[in-house]
All heavy atoms as atom14 arrays in JSON, in Angstrom:
{
  "sequence": "GEKVTVKMLLDYLEDITGVKAPKFKLAYAFAKMTGPFAELYYKIA",
  "atom14_mask": [
    [1, 1, 1, 1, 0, 0, 0, 0, 0, 0, 0, 0, 0, 0],
    [1, 1, 1, 1, 1, 1, 1, 1, 1, 0, 0, 0, 0, 0],
    [1, 1, 1, 1, 1, 1, 1, 1, 1, 0, 0, 0, 0, 0],
    [1, 1, 1, 1, 1, 1, 1, 0, 0, 0, 0, 0, 0, 0],
    [1, 1, 1, 1, 1, 1, 1, 0, 0, 0, 0, 0, 0, 0],
    [1, 1, 1, 1, 1, 1, 1, 0, 0, 0, 0, 0, 0, 0],
    [1, 1, 1, 1, 1, 1, 1, 1, 1, 0, 0, 0, 0, 0],
    [1, 1, 1, 1, 1, 1, 1, 1, 0, 0, 0, 0, 0, 0],
    [1, 1, 1, 1, 1, 1, 1, 1, 0, 0, 0, 0, 0, 0],
    [1, 1, 1, 1, 1, 1, 1, 1, 0, 0, 0, 0, 0, 0],
    [1, 1, 1, 1, 1, 1, 1, 1, 0, 0, 0, 0, 0, 0],
    [1, 1, 1, 1, 1, 1, 1, 1, 1, 1, 1, 1, 0, 0],
    [1, 1, 1, 1, 1, 1, 1, 1, 0, 0, 0, 0, 0, 0],
    [1, 1, 1, 1, 1, 1, 1, 1, 1, 0, 0, 0, 0, 0],
    [1, 1, 1, 1, 1, 1, 1, 1, 0, 0, 0, 0, 0, 0],
    [1, 1, 1, 1, 1, 1, 1, 1, 0, 0, 0, 0, 0, 0],
    [1, 1, 1, 1, 1, 1, 1, 0, 0, 0, 0, 0, 0, 0],
    [1, 1, 1, 1, 0, 0, 0, 0, 0, 0, 0, 0, 0, 0],
    [1, 1, 1, 1, 1, 1, 1, 0, 0, 0, 0, 0, 0, 0],
    [1, 1, 1, 1, 1, 1, 1, 1, 1, 0, 0, 0, 0, 0],
    [1, 1, 1, 1, 1, 0, 0, 0, 0, 0, 0, 0, 0, 0],
    [1, 1, 1, 1, 1, 1, 1, 0, 0, 0, 0, 0, 0, 0],
    [1, 1, 1, 1, 1, 1, 1, 1, 1, 0, 0, 0, 0, 0],
    [1, 1, 1, 1, 1, 1, 1, 1, 1, 1, 1, 0, 0, 0],
    [1, 1, 1, 1, 1, 1, 1, 1, 1, 0, 0, 0, 0, 0],
    [1, 1, 1, 1, 1, 1, 1, 1, 0, 0, 0, 0, 0, 0],
    [1, 1, 1, 1, 1, 0, 0, 0, 0, 0, 0, 0, 0, 0],
    [1, 1, 1, 1, 1, 1, 1, 1, 1, 1, 1, 1, 0, 0],
    [1, 1, 1, 1, 1, 0, 0, 0, 0, 0, 0, 0, 0, 0],
    [1, 1, 1, 1, 1, 1, 1, 1, 1, 1, 1, 0, 0, 0],
    [1, 1, 1, 1, 1, 0, 0, 0, 0, 0, 0, 0, 0, 0],
    [1, 1, 1, 1, 1, 1, 1, 1, 1, 0, 0, 0, 0, 0],
    [1, 1, 1, 1, 1, 1, 1, 1, 0, 0, 0, 0, 0, 0],
    [1, 1, 1, 1, 1, 1, 1, 0, 0, 0, 0, 0, 0, 0],
    [1, 1, 1, 1, 0, 0, 0, 0, 0, 0, 0, 0, 0, 0],
    [1, 1, 1, 1, 1, 1, 1, 0, 0, 0, 0, 0, 0, 0],
    [1, 1, 1, 1, 1, 1, 1, 1, 1, 1, 1, 0, 0, 0],
    [1, 1, 1, 1, 1, 0, 0, 0, 0, 0, 0, 0, 0, 0],
    [1, 1, 1, 1, 1, 1, 1, 1, 1, 0, 0, 0, 0, 0],
    [1, 1, 1, 1, 1, 1, 1, 1, 0, 0, 0, 0, 0, 0],
    [1, 1, 1, 1, 1, 1, 1, 1, 1, 1, 1, 1, 0, 0],
    [1, 1, 1, 1, 1, 1, 1, 1, 1, 1, 1, 1, 0, 0],
    [1, 1, 1, 1, 1, 1, 1, 1, 1, 0, 0, 0, 0, 0],
    [1, 1, 1, 1, 1, 1, 1, 1, 0, 0, 0, 0, 0, 0],
    [1, 1, 1, 1, 1, 0, 0, 0, 0, 0, 0, 0, 0, 0]
  ],
  "atom14_positions": [
    [[90.16, 112.46, 100.77], [89.37, 111.85, 101.77], [90.24, 111.29, 102.85], [90.88, 112.06, 103.64], [0.0, 0.0, 0.0], [0.0, 0.0, 0.0], [0.0, 0.0, 0.0], [0.0, 0.0, 0.0], [0.0, 0.0, 0.0], [0.0, 0.0, 0.0], [0.0, 0.0, 0.0], [0.0, 0.0, 0.0], [0.0, 0.0, 0.0], [0.0, 0.0, 0.0]],
    [[90.31, 110.02, 102.98], [90.95, 109.33, 104.1], [92.12, 108.53, 103.61], [92.05, 107.81, 102.52], [89.97, 108.36, 104.71], [89.88, 108.41, 106.25], [88.74, 107.49, 106.75], [87.57, 107.72, 106.41], [89.09, 106.49, 107.43], [0.0, 0.0, 0.0], [0.0, 0.0, 0.0], [0.0, 0.0, 0.0], [0.0, 0.0, 0.0], [0.0, 0.0, 0.0]],
    [[93.2, 108.52, 104.31], [94.41, 107.74, 104.01], [94.14, 106.31, 104.64], [93.84, 106.23, 105.82], [95.68, 108.23, 104.64], [96.91, 107.36, 104.38], [98.19, 108.05, 104.93], [99.37, 107.17, 104.64], [100.58, 107.79, 105.22], [0.0, 0.0, 0.0], [0.0, 0.0, 0.0], [0.0, 0.0, 0.0], [0.0, 0.0, 0.0], [0.0, 0.0, 0.0]],
    [[94.11, 105.3, 103.8], [93.78, 103.97, 104.15], [94.86, 102.97, 103.69], [95.29, 103.01, 102.52], [92.44, 103.52, 103.53], [92.03, 102.15, 104.08], [91.34, 104.54, 103.89], [0.0, 0.0, 0.0], [0.0, 0.0, 0.0], [0.0, 0.0, 0.0], [0.0, 0.0, 0.0], [0.0, 0.0, 0.0], [0.0, 0.0, 0.0], [0.0, 0.0, 0.0]],
    [[95.3, 102.18, 104.56], [96.35, 101.09, 104.11], [95.59, 100.0, 103.44], [94.34, 99.82, 103.58], [97.01, 100.51, 105.38], [96.1, 99.71, 106.12], [97.73, 101.48, 106.21], [0.0, 0.0, 0.0], [0.0, 0.0, 0.0], [0.0, 0.0, 0.0], [0.0, 0.0, 0.0], [0.0, 0.0, 0.0], [0.0, 0.0, 0.0], [0.0, 0.0, 0.0]],
    [[96.24, 99.24, 102.56], [95.67, 98.11, 101.83], [95.05, 97.14, 102.87], [93.97, 96.58, 102.64], [96.68, 97.46, 100.95], [96.03, 96.24, 100.26], [97.17, 98.43, 99.94], [0.0, 0.0, 0.0], [0.0, 0.0, 0.0], [0.0, 0.0, 0.0], [0.0, 0.0, 0.0], [0.0, 0.0, 0.0], [0.0, 0.0, 0.0], [0.0, 0.0, 0.0]],
    [[95.77, 96.91, 103.95], [95.31, 95.95, 104.95], [94.06, 96.47, 105.58], [93.09, 95.64, 105.77], [96.44, 95.79, 106.05], [96.02, 94.84, 107.2], [96.0, 93.36, 106.71], [96.03, 92.41, 107.83], [94.87, 92.6, 108.8], [0.0, 0.0, 0.0], [0.0, 0.0, 0.0], [0.0, 0.0, 0.0], [0.0, 0.0, 0.0], [0.0, 0.0, 0.0]],
    [[93.94, 97.7, 105.87], [92.69, 98.34, 106.45], [91.54, 98.15, 105.51], [90.46, 97.8, 105.87], [92.9, 99.72, 106.78], [93.72, 100.06, 108.04], [94.18, 101.79, 108.12], [92.56, 102.56, 108.2], [0.0, 0.0, 0.0], [0.0, 0.0, 0.0], [0.0, 0.0, 0.0], [0.0, 0.0, 0.0], [0.0, 0.0, 0.0], [0.0, 0.0, 0.0]],
    [[91.84, 98.41, 104.24], [90.73, 98.3, 103.18], [90.19, 96.89, 103.11], [88.99, 96.75, 103.14], [91.33, 98.69, 101.87], [90.36, 98.79, 100.69], [89.57, 100.04, 100.74], [91.13, 98.88, 99.33], [0.0, 0.0, 0.0], [0.0, 0.0, 0.0], [0.0, 0.0, 0.0], [0.0, 0.0, 0.0], [0.0, 0.0, 0.0], [0.0, 0.0, 0.0]],
    [[91.09, 95.93, 103.17], [90.66, 94.57, 103.11], [89.94, 94.1, 104.35], [88.99, 93.31, 104.36], [91.82, 93.62, 102.87], [92.61, 93.86, 101.51], [93.79, 92.93, 101.34], [91.66, 93.68, 100.34], [0.0, 0.0, 0.0], [0.0, 0.0, 0.0], [0.0, 0.0, 0.0], [0.0, 0.0, 0.0], [0.0, 0.0, 0.0], [0.0, 0.0, 0.0]],
    [[90.43, 94.58, 105.43], [89.7, 94.27, 106.78], [88.32, 94.85, 106.79], [87.34, 94.26, 107.25], [90.52, 94.77, 107.94], [91.78, 93.97, 108.22], [91.83, 92.82, 107.66], [92.66, 94.45, 108.97], [0.0, 0.0, 0.0], [0.0, 0.0, 0.0], [0.0, 0.0, 0.0], [0.0, 0.0, 0.0], [0.0, 0.0, 0.0], [0.0, 0.0, 0.0]],
    [[88.13, 96.09, 106.33], [86.85, 96.72, 106.13], [85.94, 95.81, 105.3], [84.77, 95.58, 105.65], [86.91, 98.14, 105.55], [87.4, 99.26, 106.55], [88.19, 100.24, 106.01], [87.03, 99.3, 107.89], [88.68, 101.21, 106.88], [87.48, 100.28, 108.67], [88.26, 101.26, 108.2], [88.67, 102.3, 109.01], [0.0, 0.0, 0.0], [0.0, 0.0, 0.0]],
    [[86.46, 95.42, 104.18], [85.64, 94.59, 103.23], [85.29, 93.26, 103.84], [84.21, 92.73, 103.59], [86.44, 94.42, 101.93], [86.51, 95.62, 101.0], [87.54, 95.32, 99.81], [85.18, 96.05, 100.49], [0.0, 0.0, 0.0], [0.0, 0.0, 0.0], [0.0, 0.0, 0.0], [0.0, 0.0, 0.0], [0.0, 0.0, 0.0], [0.0, 0.0, 0.0]],
    [[86.16, 92.64, 104.67], [85.88, 91.48, 105.36], [84.73, 91.63, 106.31], [83.77, 90.81, 106.34], [87.07, 90.9, 106.09], [86.82, 89.64, 106.82], [88.11, 89.01, 107.49], [89.06, 88.92, 106.86], [87.97, 88.73, 108.78], [0.0, 0.0, 0.0], [0.0, 0.0, 0.0], [0.0, 0.0, 0.0], [0.0, 0.0, 0.0], [0.0, 0.0, 0.0]],
    [[84.7, 92.74, 106.99], [83.61, 92.98, 108.06], [82.32, 93.21, 107.24], [81.23, 92.77, 107.79], [84.01, 94.23, 108.79], [85.11, 94.05, 109.77], [85.36, 92.79, 110.14], [85.7, 94.99, 110.27], [0.0, 0.0, 0.0], [0.0, 0.0, 0.0], [0.0, 0.0, 0.0], [0.0, 0.0, 0.0], [0.0, 0.0, 0.0], [0.0, 0.0, 0.0]],
    [[82.36, 93.85, 106.09], [81.18, 94.25, 105.38], [80.54, 93.02, 104.65], [79.37, 92.82, 104.7], [81.44, 95.35, 104.36], [81.82, 96.67, 105.06], [80.26, 95.59, 103.43], [82.47, 97.69, 104.15], [0.0, 0.0, 0.0], [0.0, 0.0, 0.0], [0.0, 0.0, 0.0], [0.0, 0.0, 0.0], [0.0, 0.0, 0.0], [0.0, 0.0, 0.0]],
    [[81.44, 92.24, 104.07], [80.99, 91.13, 103.17], [80.94, 89.75, 103.88], [80.22, 88.91, 103.38], [81.83, 90.97, 101.91], [83.21, 90.66, 102.35], [81.89, 92.31, 101.19], [0.0, 0.0, 0.0], [0.0, 0.0, 0.0], [0.0, 0.0, 0.0], [0.0, 0.0, 0.0], [0.0, 0.0, 0.0], [0.0, 0.0, 0.0], [0.0, 0.0, 0.0]],
    [[81.74, 89.6, 104.86], [81.86, 88.24, 105.55], [82.91, 87.39, 104.78], [83.15, 86.23, 105.29], [0.0, 0.0, 0.0], [0.0, 0.0, 0.0], [0.0, 0.0, 0.0], [0.0, 0.0, 0.0], [0.0, 0.0, 0.0], [0.0, 0.0, 0.0], [0.0, 0.0, 0.0], [0.0, 0.0, 0.0], [0.0, 0.0, 0.0], [0.0, 0.0, 0.0]],
    [[83.42, 87.91, 103.68], [84.43, 87.14, 102.98], [85.82, 87.29, 103.63], [86.14, 88.52, 104.0], [84.55, 87.67, 101.48], [85.73, 86.94, 100.78], [83.19, 87.38, 100.75], [0.0, 0.0, 0.0], [0.0, 0.0, 0.0], [0.0, 0.0, 0.0], [0.0, 0.0, 0.0], [0.0, 0.0, 0.0], [0.0, 0.0, 0.0], [0.0, 0.0, 0.0]],
    [[86.54, 86.29, 103.87], [87.85, 86.34, 104.48], [88.86, 87.11, 103.63], [89.04, 86.89, 102.46], [88.38, 84.95, 104.8], [87.61, 84.31, 105.92], [87.82, 84.96, 107.3], [87.16, 84.27, 108.4], [87.25, 84.89, 109.74], [0.0, 0.0, 0.0], [0.0, 0.0, 0.0], [0.0, 0.0, 0.0], [0.0, 0.0, 0.0], [0.0, 0.0, 0.0]],
    [[89.54, 88.06, 104.3], [90.61, 88.83, 103.54], [91.77, 87.96, 103.4], [92.15, 87.1, 104.26], [90.97, 90.1, 104.41], [0.0, 0.0, 0.0], [0.0, 0.0, 0.0], [0.0, 0.0, 0.0], [0.0, 0.0, 0.0], [0.0, 0.0, 0.0], [0.0, 0.0, 0.0], [0.0, 0.0, 0.0], [0.0, 0.0, 0.0], [0.0, 0.0, 0.0]],
    [[92.5, 88.1, 102.28], [93.75, 87.3, 102.09], [94.77, 87.67, 103.16], [95.0, 88.84, 103.59], [94.3, 87.81, 100.69], [93.61, 89.07, 100.5], [92.3, 89.03, 101.16], [0.0, 0.0, 0.0], [0.0, 0.0, 0.0], [0.0, 0.0, 0.0], [0.0, 0.0, 0.0], [0.0, 0.0, 0.0], [0.0, 0.0, 0.0], [0.0, 0.0, 0.0]],
    [[95.52, 86.6, 103.58], [96.48, 86.8, 104.7], [97.91, 86.93, 104.11], [98.81, 87.43, 104.82], [96.43, 85.58, 105.65], [95.12, 85.41, 106.29], [94.68, 86.58, 107.17], [93.34, 86.25, 107.84], [92.83, 87.48, 108.54], [0.0, 0.0, 0.0], [0.0, 0.0, 0.0], [0.0, 0.0, 0.0], [0.0, 0.0, 0.0], [0.0, 0.0, 0.0]],
    [[98.05, 86.43, 102.89], [99.43, 86.44, 102.31], [99.76, 87.81, 101.77], [99.17, 88.32, 100.93], [99.46, 85.39, 101.19], [100.88, 85.29, 100.56], [101.87, 84.72, 101.29], [101.12, 85.71, 99.29], [103.19, 84.55, 100.8], [102.42, 85.56, 98.7], [103.43, 85.02, 99.47], [0.0, 0.0, 0.0], [0.0, 0.0, 0.0], [0.0, 0.0, 0.0]],
    [[100.9, 88.33, 102.3], [101.37, 89.66, 101.88], [102.58, 89.47, 100.98], [103.6, 88.89, 101.42], [101.78, 90.5, 103.05], [102.21, 91.92, 102.71], [102.35, 92.75, 103.98], [103.51, 92.38, 104.84], [103.71, 93.34, 105.94], [0.0, 0.0, 0.0], [0.0, 0.0, 0.0], [0.0, 0.0, 0.0], [0.0, 0.0, 0.0], [0.0, 0.0, 0.0]],
    [[102.54, 90.0, 99.76], [103.64, 90.0, 98.81], [104.69, 90.99, 99.33], [104.4, 92.12, 99.68], [103.18, 90.35, 97.45], [102.37, 89.36, 96.66], [101.9, 90.02, 95.3], [103.18, 88.11, 96.32], [0.0, 0.0, 0.0], [0.0, 0.0, 0.0], [0.0, 0.0, 0.0], [0.0, 0.0, 0.0], [0.0, 0.0, 0.0], [0.0, 0.0, 0.0]],
    [[105.93, 90.58, 99.21], [107.09, 91.46, 99.53], [107.12, 92.57, 98.47], [106.88, 92.34, 97.28], [108.34, 90.71, 99.58], [0.0, 0.0, 0.0], [0.0, 0.0, 0.0], [0.0, 0.0, 0.0], [0.0, 0.0, 0.0], [0.0, 0.0, 0.0], [0.0, 0.0, 0.0], [0.0, 0.0, 0.0], [0.0, 0.0, 0.0], [0.0, 0.0, 0.0]],
    [[107.32, 93.81, 98.94], [107.3, 94.99, 98.01], [108.34, 94.71, 96.83], [108.06, 95.0, 95.69], [107.69, 96.26, 98.78], [107.8, 97.46, 97.88], [106.69, 98.05, 97.28], [109.04, 97.97, 97.56], [106.75, 99.16, 96.51], [109.15, 99.11, 96.76], [108.01, 99.63, 96.24], [108.08, 100.79, 95.37], [0.0, 0.0, 0.0], [0.0, 0.0, 0.0]],
    [[109.62, 94.3, 97.12], [110.56, 94.12, 96.14], [110.18, 93.07, 95.1], [110.34, 93.33, 93.89], [111.86, 93.65, 96.72], [0.0, 0.0, 0.0], [0.0, 0.0, 0.0], [0.0, 0.0, 0.0], [0.0, 0.0, 0.0], [0.0, 0.0, 0.0], [0.0, 0.0, 0.0], [0.0, 0.0, 0.0], [0.0, 0.0, 0.0], [0.0, 0.0, 0.0]],
    [[109.51, 92.06, 95.55], [109.03, 90.99, 94.58], [107.86, 91.54, 93.75], [107.86, 91.41, 92.51], [108.48, 89.77, 95.4], [107.91, 88.66, 94.55], [108.66, 87.82, 93.79], [106.52, 88.61, 94.48], [108.11, 86.87, 93.01], [105.92, 87.65, 93.63], [106.77, 86.74, 92.93], [0.0, 0.0, 0.0], [0.0, 0.0, 0.0], [0.0, 0.0, 0.0]],
    [[106.94, 92.32, 94.35], [105.83, 92.85, 93.65], [106.32, 93.88, 92.56], [105.83, 93.87, 91.45], [104.87, 93.54, 94.58], [0.0, 0.0, 0.0], [0.0, 0.0, 0.0], [0.0, 0.0, 0.0], [0.0, 0.0, 0.0], [0.0, 0.0, 0.0], [0.0, 0.0, 0.0], [0.0, 0.0, 0.0], [0.0, 0.0, 0.0], [0.0, 0.0, 0.0]],
    [[107.33, 94.68, 92.95], [107.87, 95.64, 92.12], [108.51, 94.98, 90.89], [108.37, 95.41, 89.73], [108.86, 96.46, 92.78], [109.51, 97.63, 92.0], [108.49, 98.79, 91.87], [109.2, 99.97, 91.23], [108.27, 101.06, 90.87], [0.0, 0.0, 0.0], [0.0, 0.0, 0.0], [0.0, 0.0, 0.0], [0.0, 0.0, 0.0], [0.0, 0.0, 0.0]],
    [[109.25, 93.89, 91.21], [109.94, 93.17, 90.07], [109.01, 92.5, 89.16], [109.21, 92.42, 87.97], [110.86, 92.17, 90.75], [111.73, 91.37, 89.78], [112.78, 90.18, 90.66], [111.58, 89.09, 91.39], [0.0, 0.0, 0.0], [0.0, 0.0, 0.0], [0.0, 0.0, 0.0], [0.0, 0.0, 0.0], [0.0, 0.0, 0.0], [0.0, 0.0, 0.0]],
    [[107.92, 91.97, 89.66], [107.01, 91.22, 88.8], [105.85, 92.09, 88.25], [104.97, 91.61, 87.58], [106.39, 90.04, 89.61], [105.65, 90.59, 90.79], [107.41, 89.02, 90.04], [0.0, 0.0, 0.0], [0.0, 0.0, 0.0], [0.0, 0.0, 0.0], [0.0, 0.0, 0.0], [0.0, 0.0, 0.0], [0.0, 0.0, 0.0], [0.0, 0.0, 0.0]],
    [[105.85, 93.35, 88.58], [104.82, 94.32, 88.09], [104.6, 94.26, 86.62], [103.45, 94.14, 86.18], [0.0, 0.0, 0.0], [0.0, 0.0, 0.0], [0.0, 0.0, 0.0], [0.0, 0.0, 0.0], [0.0, 0.0, 0.0], [0.0, 0.0, 0.0], [0.0, 0.0, 0.0], [0.0, 0.0, 0.0], [0.0, 0.0, 0.0], [0.0, 0.0, 0.0]],
    [[105.6, 94.34, 85.79], [105.43, 94.27, 84.3], [104.74, 92.96, 83.84], [103.97, 93.02, 82.92], [106.87, 94.42, 83.73], [107.62, 95.08, 84.84], [107.02, 94.56, 86.15], [0.0, 0.0, 0.0], [0.0, 0.0, 0.0], [0.0, 0.0, 0.0], [0.0, 0.0, 0.0], [0.0, 0.0, 0.0], [0.0, 0.0, 0.0], [0.0, 0.0, 0.0]],
    [[105.06, 91.82, 84.52], [104.46, 90.54, 84.11], [103.0, 90.54, 84.55], [102.1, 89.98, 83.83], [105.22, 89.37, 84.75], [106.61, 89.35, 84.42], [107.62, 89.78, 85.23], [107.0, 88.88, 83.13], [108.94, 89.81, 84.92], [108.34, 88.84, 82.76], [109.33, 89.28, 83.66], [0.0, 0.0, 0.0], [0.0, 0.0, 0.0], [0.0, 0.0, 0.0]],
    [[102.66, 91.17, 85.75], [101.3, 91.19, 86.19], [100.48, 92.06, 85.16], [99.3, 91.71, 84.83], [101.25, 91.82, 87.56], [0.0, 0.0, 0.0], [0.0, 0.0, 0.0], [0.0, 0.0, 0.0], [0.0, 0.0, 0.0], [0.0, 0.0, 0.0], [0.0, 0.0, 0.0], [0.0, 0.0, 0.0], [0.0, 0.0, 0.0], [0.0, 0.0, 0.0]],
    [[101.04, 93.13, 84.7], [100.38, 94.04, 83.69], [100.06, 93.26, 82.47], [98.96, 93.32, 81.9], [101.31, 95.21, 83.44], [100.57, 96.23, 82.58], [101.44, 97.46, 82.34], [102.42, 97.71, 83.13], [101.16, 98.22, 81.43], [0.0, 0.0, 0.0], [0.0, 0.0, 0.0], [0.0, 0.0, 0.0], [0.0, 0.0, 0.0], [0.0, 0.0, 0.0]],
    [[101.03, 92.38, 81.99], [100.75, 91.62, 80.81], [99.7, 90.64, 81.01], [98.81, 90.4, 80.15], [102.05, 90.85, 80.44], [102.01, 89.92, 79.2], [101.7, 90.77, 77.96], [103.3, 89.25, 79.02], [0.0, 0.0, 0.0], [0.0, 0.0, 0.0], [0.0, 0.0, 0.0], [0.0, 0.0, 0.0], [0.0, 0.0, 0.0], [0.0, 0.0, 0.0]],
    [[99.65, 89.99, 82.24], [98.56, 89.06, 82.55], [97.18, 89.71, 82.43], [96.28, 89.12, 81.87], [98.78, 88.47, 84.0], [97.55, 87.89, 84.55], [97.07, 86.62, 84.11], [96.79, 88.48, 85.49], [95.94, 86.05, 84.63], [95.61, 87.96, 86.04], [95.15, 86.75, 85.58], [94.05, 86.22, 86.07], [0.0, 0.0, 0.0], [0.0, 0.0, 0.0]],
    [[97.04, 90.87, 83.15], [95.76, 91.58, 83.09], [95.31, 91.96, 81.64], [94.15, 91.95, 81.33], [95.8, 92.78, 83.97], [95.74, 92.52, 85.38], [96.83, 92.76, 86.25], [94.65, 91.91, 86.01], [96.8, 92.54, 87.64], [94.63, 91.61, 87.31], [95.71, 91.9, 88.14], [95.65, 91.6, 89.47], [0.0, 0.0, 0.0], [0.0, 0.0, 0.0]],
    [[96.33, 92.29, 80.83], [96.07, 92.69, 79.43], [95.56, 91.49, 78.66], [94.55, 91.52, 77.92], [97.35, 93.18, 78.79], [97.13, 93.81, 77.43], [98.33, 94.41, 76.9], [98.15, 95.14, 75.6], [99.41, 95.8, 75.04], [0.0, 0.0, 0.0], [0.0, 0.0, 0.0], [0.0, 0.0, 0.0], [0.0, 0.0, 0.0], [0.0, 0.0, 0.0]],
    [[96.16, 90.27, 78.93], [95.69, 89.04, 78.19], [94.32, 88.66, 78.7], [93.45, 88.22, 77.94], [96.74, 87.91, 78.46], [98.09, 88.29, 77.71], [96.18, 86.61, 77.94], [99.21, 87.34, 78.14], [0.0, 0.0, 0.0], [0.0, 0.0, 0.0], [0.0, 0.0, 0.0], [0.0, 0.0, 0.0], [0.0, 0.0, 0.0], [0.0, 0.0, 0.0]],
    [[94.08, 88.81, 79.95], [92.82, 88.48, 80.65], [91.77, 89.51, 80.38], [90.56, 89.26, 80.74], [92.98, 88.26, 82.18], [0.0, 0.0, 0.0], [0.0, 0.0, 0.0], [0.0, 0.0, 0.0], [0.0, 0.0, 0.0], [0.0, 0.0, 0.0], [0.0, 0.0, 0.0], [0.0, 0.0, 0.0], [0.0, 0.0, 0.0], [0.0, 0.0, 0.0]]
  ]
}
């Protein structure tokens, strides 16, 4: 279909729902490093 950035996706959702999109952007290196811990969190939750 369409190539969409995460920011675009959230902006579309803000327009549709009226809910404010998160402004805080995680640094890629930090997100990559903490990925395994995030996966563990979702598993526990």
